[in-house]
Amino acid sequence: MVSYEFDEGDTIPLSLSSINVNRLLVNNDRIISIACPKGFCTSTGNQKDASGSITLKINIPLPFTAHLTTEKGRLFALFITPKATPSLVTEFVWSQNYKEQQSPIEQAADYPAAMTALTKAMMRFVHDGAPIAGFKRHDVDPKTLPKDEASLAIIPQTVFVGRDYSGVVYQLKNQSRSDMALTTAQFYSYSARSAALDAYQLKPGQTTTLYLITGGGATHVR
């Protein structure tokens, strides 16, 4: 299977088989129609197929544009280049799909439990790379950051953006010549809702991880 991420109204360039029947599907959705130029393709859907996929046979081996509509109202286009290669299952993933997933915060019983659940999810991500349902992940490119010359360097590494809250994973580094004690209170601000640390003491040159939760989505990430 090959996957392509898309936004509403995108045109996705891709190659499809001109010698086999191709299978197309949209993650967590159903394709209800595909429109090709007259005679260029033949499509078939199966109402009993839980994945909501369709099959697409290319009739004319020339590049063309097809327009797809899904059950959830997504509209996007494919710029298809036919190739004499075996077919693969092609999946399309809406870039905002994470908003439809139930996040750890939504599953929690109350506010303190919600903060704890998101913090644990960020810790799990740092440990094994597990994604966080309901949150869009953005990795921070270190090349875009100014050099932090402070005795305690606070370096953002990963941002998780959700509907109401965002989580930020920072690396903290003791750049001084003496031992340094840390507390979560150091990292609270007007927008910060929760802070957690992997370690509370750093020797010179040592690093640890800070997990910070801010309120209100991307605009509150500092």
C-alpha atoms as a PDB file:
ATOM      1  CA  MET A   1       0.000   0.000   0.000  1.00  0.00           C
ATOM      2  CA  VAL A   2       1.109   3.555  -0.711  1.00  0.00           C
ATOM      3  CA  SER A   3      -0.317   6.562   1.171  1.00  0.00           C
ATOM      4  CA  TYR A   4      -0.763  10.207   0.244  1.00  0.00           C
ATOM      5  CA  GLU A   5      -1.806  12.995   2.617  1.00  0.00           C
ATOM      6  CA  PHE A   6      -4.217  15.576   1.216  1.00  0.00           C
ATOM      7  CA  ASP A   7      -5.986  18.815   2.081  1.00  0.00           C
ATOM      8  CA  GLU A   8      -9.354  19.946   0.777  1.00  0.00           C
ATOM      9  CA  GLY A   9      -9.066  20.885  -2.908  1.00  0.00           C
ATOM     10  CA  ASP A  10      -5.578  19.423  -3.399  1.00  0.00           C
ATOM     11  CA  THR A  11      -4.401  17.912  -6.675  1.00  0.00           C
ATOM     12  CA  ILE A  12      -2.196  14.891  -5.984  1.00  0.00           C
ATOM     13  CA  PRO A  13       0.205  13.719  -8.708  1.00  0.00           C
ATOM     14  CA  LEU A  14       0.627   9.942  -8.757  1.00  0.00           C
ATOM     15  CA  SER A  15       1.261   6.975 -11.024  1.00  0.00           C
ATOM     16  CA  LEU A  16      -1.283   4.175 -11.411  1.00  0.00           C
ATOM     17  CA  SER A  17      -1.128   0.889 -13.263  1.00  0.00           C
ATOM     18  CA  SER A  18      -2.337   0.847 -16.859  1.00  0.00           C
ATOM     19  CA  ILE A  19      -2.194  -2.962 -16.991  1.00  0.00           C
ATOM     20  CA  ASN A  20      -3.980  -3.920 -13.747  1.00  0.00           C
ATOM     21  CA  VAL A  21      -7.049  -2.728 -11.881  1.00  0.00           C
ATOM     22  CA  ASN A  22      -6.115  -0.155  -9.207  1.00  0.00           C
ATOM     23  CA  ARG A  23      -7.730   0.037  -5.761  1.00  0.00           C
ATOM     24  CA  LEU A  24      -8.183   3.471  -4.161  1.00  0.00           C
ATOM     25  CA  LEU A  25      -9.410   4.284  -0.657  1.00  0.00           C
ATOM     26  CA  VAL A  26      -9.675   7.266   1.695  1.00  0.00           C
ATOM     27  CA  ASN A  27      -8.708   6.580   5.304  1.00  0.00           C
ATOM     28  CA  ASN A  28     -11.674   6.780   7.713  1.00  0.00           C
ATOM     29  CA  ASP A  29     -14.041   7.755   4.877  1.00  0.00           C
ATOM     30  CA  ARG A  30     -15.713   6.361   1.736  1.00  0.00           C
ATOM     31  CA  ILE A  31     -15.215   7.356  -1.897  1.00  0.00           C
ATOM     32  CA  ILE A  32     -18.668   8.018  -3.357  1.00  0.00           C
ATOM     33  CA  SER A  33     -17.650   9.229  -6.814  1.00  0.00           C
ATOM     34  CA  ILE A  34     -14.685   9.649  -9.134  1.00  0.00           C
ATOM     35  CA  ALA A  35     -14.958  11.663 -12.347  1.00  0.00           C
ATOM     36  CA  CYS A  36     -12.491  11.079 -15.197  1.00  0.00           C
ATOM     37  CA  PRO A  37     -12.436  12.605 -18.692  1.00  0.00           C
ATOM     38  CA  LYS A  38     -14.802  10.643 -20.939  1.00  0.00           C
ATOM     39  CA  GLY A  39     -13.422   7.202 -21.763  1.00  0.00           C
ATOM     40  CA  PHE A  40     -10.229   7.497 -19.693  1.00  0.00           C
ATOM     41  CA  CYS A  41     -11.248   5.266 -16.773  1.00  0.00           C
ATOM     42  CA  THR A  42     -13.832   2.841 -15.455  1.00  0.00           C
ATOM     43  CA  SER A  43     -14.577   2.728 -11.717  1.00  0.00           C
ATOM     44  CA  THR A  44     -16.471   0.267  -9.551  1.00  0.00           C
ATOM     45  CA  GLY A  45     -17.490   0.481  -5.895  1.00  0.00           C
ATOM     46  CA  ASN A  46     -18.750  -2.199  -3.524  1.00  0.00           C
ATOM     47  CA  GLN A  47     -21.322  -1.072  -0.961  1.00  0.00           C
ATOM     48  CA  LYS A  48     -20.374  -4.012   1.286  1.00  0.00           C
ATOM     49  CA  ASP A  49     -16.700  -3.008   1.382  1.00  0.00           C
ATOM     50  CA  ALA A  50     -16.118  -1.608   4.891  1.00  0.00           C
ATOM     51  CA  SER A  51     -13.071   0.361   3.710  1.00  0.00           C
ATOM     52  CA  GLY A  52     -15.166   2.379   1.245  1.00  0.00           C
ATOM     53  CA  SER A  53     -12.667   1.726  -1.531  1.00  0.00           C
ATOM     54  CA  ILE A  54     -13.205   1.730  -5.284  1.00  0.00           C
ATOM     55  CA  THR A  55     -11.446  -0.026  -8.142  1.00  0.00           C
ATOM     56  CA  LEU A  56     -10.182   2.014 -11.071  1.00  0.00           C
ATOM     57  CA  LYS A  57      -9.290   0.675 -14.504  1.00  0.00           C
ATOM     58  CA  ILE A  58      -7.363   2.974 -16.824  1.00  0.00           C
ATOM     59  CA  ASN A  59      -8.565   2.701 -20.421  1.00  0.00           C
ATOM     60  CA  ILE A  60      -6.344   5.262 -22.158  1.00  0.00           C
ATOM     61  CA  PRO A  61      -2.623   5.254 -21.231  1.00  0.00           C
ATOM     62  CA  LEU A  62      -2.245   9.055 -21.229  1.00  0.00           C
ATOM     63  CA  PRO A  63      -1.983  11.431 -18.214  1.00  0.00           C
ATOM     64  CA  PHE A  64      -5.311  12.838 -17.005  1.00  0.00           C
ATOM     65  CA  THR A  65      -6.980  14.458 -13.995  1.00  0.00           C
ATOM     66  CA  ALA A  66      -9.702  12.702 -11.978  1.00  0.00           C
ATOM     67  CA  HIS A  67     -11.886  14.352  -9.307  1.00  0.00           C
ATOM     68  CA  LEU A  68     -12.916  12.477  -6.133  1.00  0.00           C
ATOM     69  CA  THR A  69     -15.763  13.113  -3.699  1.00  0.00           C
ATOM     70  CA  THR A  70     -16.063  11.330  -0.350  1.00  0.00           C
ATOM     71  CA  GLU A  71     -18.933  10.544   1.994  1.00  0.00           C
ATOM     72  CA  LYS A  72     -17.665  13.190   4.451  1.00  0.00           C
ATOM     73  CA  GLY A  73     -17.668  15.838   1.749  1.00  0.00           C
ATOM     74  CA  ARG A  74     -13.948  15.939   0.979  1.00  0.00           C
ATOM     75  CA  LEU A  75     -13.120  17.068  -2.552  1.00  0.00           C
ATOM     76  CA  PHE A  76      -9.718  16.551  -4.136  1.00  0.00           C
ATOM     77  CA  ALA A  77      -8.183  15.665  -7.487  1.00  0.00           C
ATOM     78  CA  LEU A  78      -5.631  13.180  -8.811  1.00  0.00           C
ATOM     79  CA  PHE A  79      -3.258  13.938 -11.661  1.00  0.00           C
ATOM     80  CA  ILE A  80      -2.771  10.369 -12.886  1.00  0.00           C
ATOM     81  CA  THR A  81       0.158   9.199 -14.972  1.00  0.00           C
ATOM     82  CA  PRO A  82      -0.541   5.669 -16.285  1.00  0.00           C
ATOM     83  CA  LYS A  83       2.407   3.261 -16.152  1.00  0.00           C
ATOM     84  CA  ALA A  84       2.786  -0.346 -17.280  1.00  0.00           C
ATOM     85  CA  THR A  85       3.558  -1.555 -13.748  1.00  0.00           C
ATOM     86  CA  PRO A  86       1.723  -3.838 -11.283  1.00  0.00           C
ATOM     87  CA  SER A  87      -0.991  -2.085  -9.295  1.00  0.00           C
ATOM     88  CA  LEU A  88      -0.812  -1.206  -5.591  1.00  0.00           C
ATOM     89  CA  VAL A  89      -3.511  -0.270  -3.110  1.00  0.00           C
ATOM     90  CA  THR A  90      -3.444   3.537  -2.870  1.00  0.00           C
ATOM     91  CA  GLU A  91      -4.667   5.211   0.327  1.00  0.00           C
ATOM     92  CA  PHE A  92      -5.431   8.910   0.797  1.00  0.00           C
ATOM     93  CA  VAL A  93      -5.287  10.387   4.314  1.00  0.00           C
ATOM     94  CA  TRP A  94      -6.953  13.712   5.120  1.00  0.00           C
ATOM     95  CA  SER A  95      -4.349  15.962   6.754  1.00  0.00           C
ATOM     96  CA  GLN A  96      -6.859  17.035   9.445  1.00  0.00           C
ATOM     97  CA  ASN A  97      -7.791  13.429  10.287  1.00  0.00           C
ATOM     98  CA  TYR A  98      -6.343  13.780  13.785  1.00  0.00           C
ATOM     99  CA  LYS A  99      -9.202  16.168  14.698  1.00  0.00           C
ATOM    100  CA  GLU A 100     -11.709  13.318  14.386  1.00  0.00           C
ATOM    101  CA  GLN A 101      -9.826  11.019  16.759  1.00  0.00           C
ATOM    102  CA  GLN A 102     -10.683  10.922  20.450  1.00  0.00           C
ATOM    103  CA  SER A 103      -7.753  12.430  22.309  1.00  0.00           C
ATOM    104  CA  PRO A 104      -6.471  11.426  25.778  1.00  0.00           C
ATOM    105  CA  ILE A 105      -8.000  14.676  27.083  1.00  0.00           C
ATOM    106  CA  GLU A 106     -11.478  13.784  25.779  1.00  0.00           C
ATOM    107  CA  GLN A 107     -11.240  10.325  27.337  1.00  0.00           C
ATOM    108  CA  ALA A 108     -10.270  11.655  30.785  1.00  0.00           C
ATOM    109  CA  ALA A 109     -12.844  11.952  33.559  1.00  0.00           C
ATOM    110  CA  ASP A 110     -11.851  15.458  34.719  1.00  0.00           C
ATOM    111  CA  TYR A 111      -9.352  18.283  34.173  1.00  0.00           C
ATOM    112  CA  PRO A 112      -6.472  16.919  36.349  1.00  0.00           C
ATOM    113  CA  ALA A 113      -6.876  13.491  34.752  1.00  0.00           C
ATOM    114  CA  ALA A 114      -6.819  15.111  31.305  1.00  0.00           C
ATOM    115  CA  MET A 115      -3.522  16.903  32.012  1.00  0.00           C
ATOM    116  CA  THR A 116      -2.032  13.682  33.379  1.00  0.00           C
ATOM    117  CA  ALA A 117      -3.225  11.671  30.368  1.00  0.00           C
ATOM    118  CA  LEU A 118      -1.689  14.067  27.834  1.00  0.00           C
ATOM    119  CA  THR A 119       1.572  14.276  29.798  1.00  0.00           C
ATOM    120  CA  LYS A 120       1.811  10.472  29.909  1.00  0.00           C
ATOM    121  CA  ALA A 121       1.108  10.313  26.170  1.00  0.00           C
ATOM    122  CA  MET A 122       3.974  12.750  25.482  1.00  0.00           C
ATOM    123  CA  MET A 123       6.298  10.711  27.703  1.00  0.00           C
ATOM    124  CA  ARG A 124       5.301   7.578  25.814  1.00  0.00           C
ATOM    125  CA  PHE A 125       6.061   9.359  22.528  1.00  0.00           C
ATOM    126  CA  VAL A 126       9.558  10.278  23.744  1.00  0.00           C
ATOM    127  CA  HIS A 127      10.122   6.690  24.881  1.00  0.00           C
ATOM    128  CA  ASP A 128       8.840   4.757  21.858  1.00  0.00           C
ATOM    129  CA  GLY A 129       7.509   7.225  19.258  1.00  0.00           C
ATOM    130  CA  ALA A 130       3.836   6.326  19.834  1.00  0.00           C
ATOM    131  CA  PRO A 131       1.475   8.867  18.166  1.00  0.00           C
ATOM    132  CA  ILE A 132      -1.057  10.789  20.276  1.00  0.00           C
ATOM    133  CA  ALA A 133      -4.654  10.383  19.096  1.00  0.00           C
ATOM    134  CA  GLY A 134      -6.411  13.676  18.366  1.00  0.00           C
ATOM    135  CA  PHE A 135      -3.166  15.661  18.097  1.00  0.00           C
ATOM    136  CA  LYS A 136      -1.168  16.797  15.076  1.00  0.00           C
ATOM    137  CA  ARG A 137       2.572  16.335  15.543  1.00  0.00           C
ATOM    138  CA  HIS A 138       5.102  18.939  14.384  1.00  0.00           C
ATOM    139  CA  ASP A 139       8.828  18.245  14.785  1.00  0.00           C
ATOM    140  CA  VAL A 140      10.933  21.364  15.376  1.00  0.00           C
ATOM    141  CA  ASP A 141      13.910  21.684  13.027  1.00  0.00           C
ATOM    142  CA  PRO A 142      16.908  22.578  15.254  1.00  0.00           C
ATOM    143  CA  LYS A 143      18.443  24.495  12.347  1.00  0.00           C
ATOM    144  CA  THR A 144      15.626  27.054  12.600  1.00  0.00           C
ATOM    145  CA  LEU A 145      16.284  27.835  16.285  1.00  0.00           C
ATOM    146  CA  PRO A 146      18.620  30.558  17.581  1.00  0.00           C
ATOM    147  CA  LYS A 147      21.416  29.272  19.789  1.00  0.00           C
ATOM    148  CA  ASP A 148      20.365  29.364  23.444  1.00  0.00           C
ATOM    149  CA  GLU A 149      23.277  30.751  25.479  1.00  0.00           C
ATOM    150  CA  ALA A 150      21.441  30.733  28.827  1.00  0.00           C
ATOM    151  CA  SER A 151      22.741  28.689  31.739  1.00  0.00           C
ATOM    152  CA  LEU A 152      19.657  26.505  31.291  1.00  0.00           C
ATOM    153  CA  ALA A 153      18.969  26.000  27.589  1.00  0.00           C
ATOM    154  CA  ILE A 154      15.283  25.357  26.820  1.00  0.00           C
ATOM    155  CA  ILE A 155      15.082  23.758  23.375  1.00  0.00           C
ATOM    156  CA  PRO A 156      11.682  22.890  21.805  1.00  0.00           C
ATOM    157  CA  GLN A 157      11.737  19.530  20.028  1.00  0.00           C
ATOM    158  CA  THR A 158       8.177  18.416  19.263  1.00  0.00           C
ATOM    159  CA  VAL A 159       4.800  20.178  19.312  1.00  0.00           C
ATOM    160  CA  PHE A 160       1.452  18.355  19.503  1.00  0.00           C
ATOM    161  CA  VAL A 161      -1.489  20.544  18.445  1.00  0.00           C
ATOM    162  CA  GLY A 162      -5.000  19.523  19.488  1.00  0.00           C
ATOM    163  CA  ARG A 163      -8.442  21.088  19.386  1.00  0.00           C
ATOM    164  CA  ASP A 164      -8.224  22.834  22.776  1.00  0.00           C
ATOM    165  CA  TYR A 165      -4.731  22.135  24.072  1.00  0.00           C
ATOM    166  CA  SER A 166      -1.202  21.770  22.786  1.00  0.00           C
ATOM    167  CA  GLY A 167       1.673  19.774  24.218  1.00  0.00           C
ATOM    168  CA  VAL A 168       5.313  20.761  23.794  1.00  0.00           C
ATOM    169  CA  VAL A 169       8.323  18.538  24.434  1.00  0.00           C
ATOM    170  CA  TYR A 170      11.490  20.460  25.321  1.00  0.00           C
ATOM    171  CA  GLN A 171      15.061  19.391  25.950  1.00  0.00           C
ATOM    172  CA  LEU A 172      16.628  21.161  28.931  1.00  0.00           C
ATOM    173  CA  LYS A 173      20.418  21.398  29.139  1.00  0.00           C
ATOM    174  CA  ASN A 174      22.544  22.646  32.039  1.00  0.00           C
ATOM    175  CA  GLN A 175      25.116  24.862  30.331  1.00  0.00           C
ATOM    176  CA  SER A 176      26.515  26.235  33.590  1.00  0.00           C
ATOM    177  CA  ARG A 177      29.525  24.997  35.561  1.00  0.00           C
ATOM    178  CA  SER A 178      27.569  23.962  38.642  1.00  0.00           C
ATOM    179  CA  ASP A 179      24.778  21.590  39.587  1.00  0.00           C
ATOM    180  CA  MET A 180      21.283  22.893  38.896  1.00  0.00           C
ATOM    181  CA  ALA A 181      18.014  22.162  40.699  1.00  0.00           C
ATOM    182  CA  LEU A 182      14.808  22.281  38.665  1.00  0.00           C
ATOM    183  CA  THR A 183      11.152  22.665  39.630  1.00  0.00           C
ATOM    184  CA  THR A 184       8.045  22.590  37.460  1.00  0.00           C
ATOM    185  CA  ALA A 185       7.124  26.046  38.824  1.00  0.00           C
ATOM    186  CA  GLN A 186       9.964  27.527  36.738  1.00  0.00           C
ATOM    187  CA  PHE A 187       8.084  26.742  33.545  1.00  0.00           C
ATOM    188  CA  TYR A 188       4.565  27.929  34.308  1.00  0.00           C
ATOM    189  CA  SER A 189       3.294  30.994  32.449  1.00  0.00           C
ATOM    190  CA  TYR A 190      -0.057  32.618  31.668  1.00  0.00           C
ATOM    191  CA  SER A 191      -0.829  29.993  29.019  1.00  0.00           C
ATOM    192  CA  ALA A 192       0.824  26.944  30.626  1.00  0.00           C
ATOM    193  CA  ARG A 193      -1.621  24.460  32.128  1.00  0.00           C
ATOM    194  CA  SER A 194       0.741  21.707  33.256  1.00  0.00           C
ATOM    195  CA  ALA A 195       4.476  20.992  33.434  1.00  0.00           C
ATOM    196  CA  ALA A 196       6.382  17.781  34.139  1.00  0.00           C
ATOM    197  CA  LEU A 197      10.074  16.889  34.217  1.00  0.00           C
ATOM    198  CA  ASP A 198      12.012  13.669  33.758  1.00  0.00           C
ATOM    199  CA  ALA A 199      14.678  14.859  36.243  1.00  0.00           C
ATOM    200  CA  TYR A 200      14.904  17.567  38.905  1.00  0.00           C
ATOM    201  CA  GLN A 201      18.705  17.769  39.236  1.00  0.00           C
ATOM    202  CA  LEU A 202      21.163  18.398  36.405  1.00  0.00           C
ATOM    203  CA  LYS A 203      24.925  18.264  36.580  1.00  0.00           C
ATOM    204  CA  PRO A 204      26.914  20.498  34.192  1.00  0.00           C
ATOM    205  CA  GLY A 205      26.330  19.314  30.619  1.00  0.00           C
ATOM    206  CA  GLN A 206      23.430  17.027  31.548  1.00  0.00           C
ATOM    207  CA  THR A 207      20.045  17.134  29.806  1.00  0.00           C
ATOM    208  CA  THR A 208      16.483  16.194  30.687  1.00  0.00           C
ATOM    209  CA  THR A 209      13.033  16.492  29.133  1.00  0.00           C
ATOM    210  CA  LEU A 210      10.281  18.986  29.956  1.00  0.00           C
ATOM    211  CA  TYR A 211       6.646  18.252  29.043  1.00  0.00           C
ATOM    212  CA  LEU A 212       4.526  21.404  28.888  1.00  0.00           C
ATOM    213  CA  ILE A 213       0.796  21.679  28.168  1.00  0.00           C
ATOM    214  CA  THR A 214      -0.623  24.970  26.951  1.00  0.00           C
ATOM    215  CA  GLY A 215      -4.249  25.950  26.415  1.00  0.00           C
ATOM    216  CA  GLY A 216      -6.134  26.777  23.280  1.00  0.00           C
ATOM    217  CA  GLY A 217      -4.240  25.122  20.424  1.00  0.00           C
ATOM    218  CA  ALA A 218      -1.400  26.398  18.263  1.00  0.00           C
ATOM    219  CA  THR A 219      -1.674  30.094  19.179  1.00  0.00           C
ATOM    220  CA  HIS A 220      -0.779  29.311  22.782  1.00  0.00           C
ATOM    221  CA  VAL A 221       2.444  27.415  22.055  1.00  0.00           C
ATOM    222  CA  ARG A 222       5.343  29.537  23.193  1.00  0.00           C
END
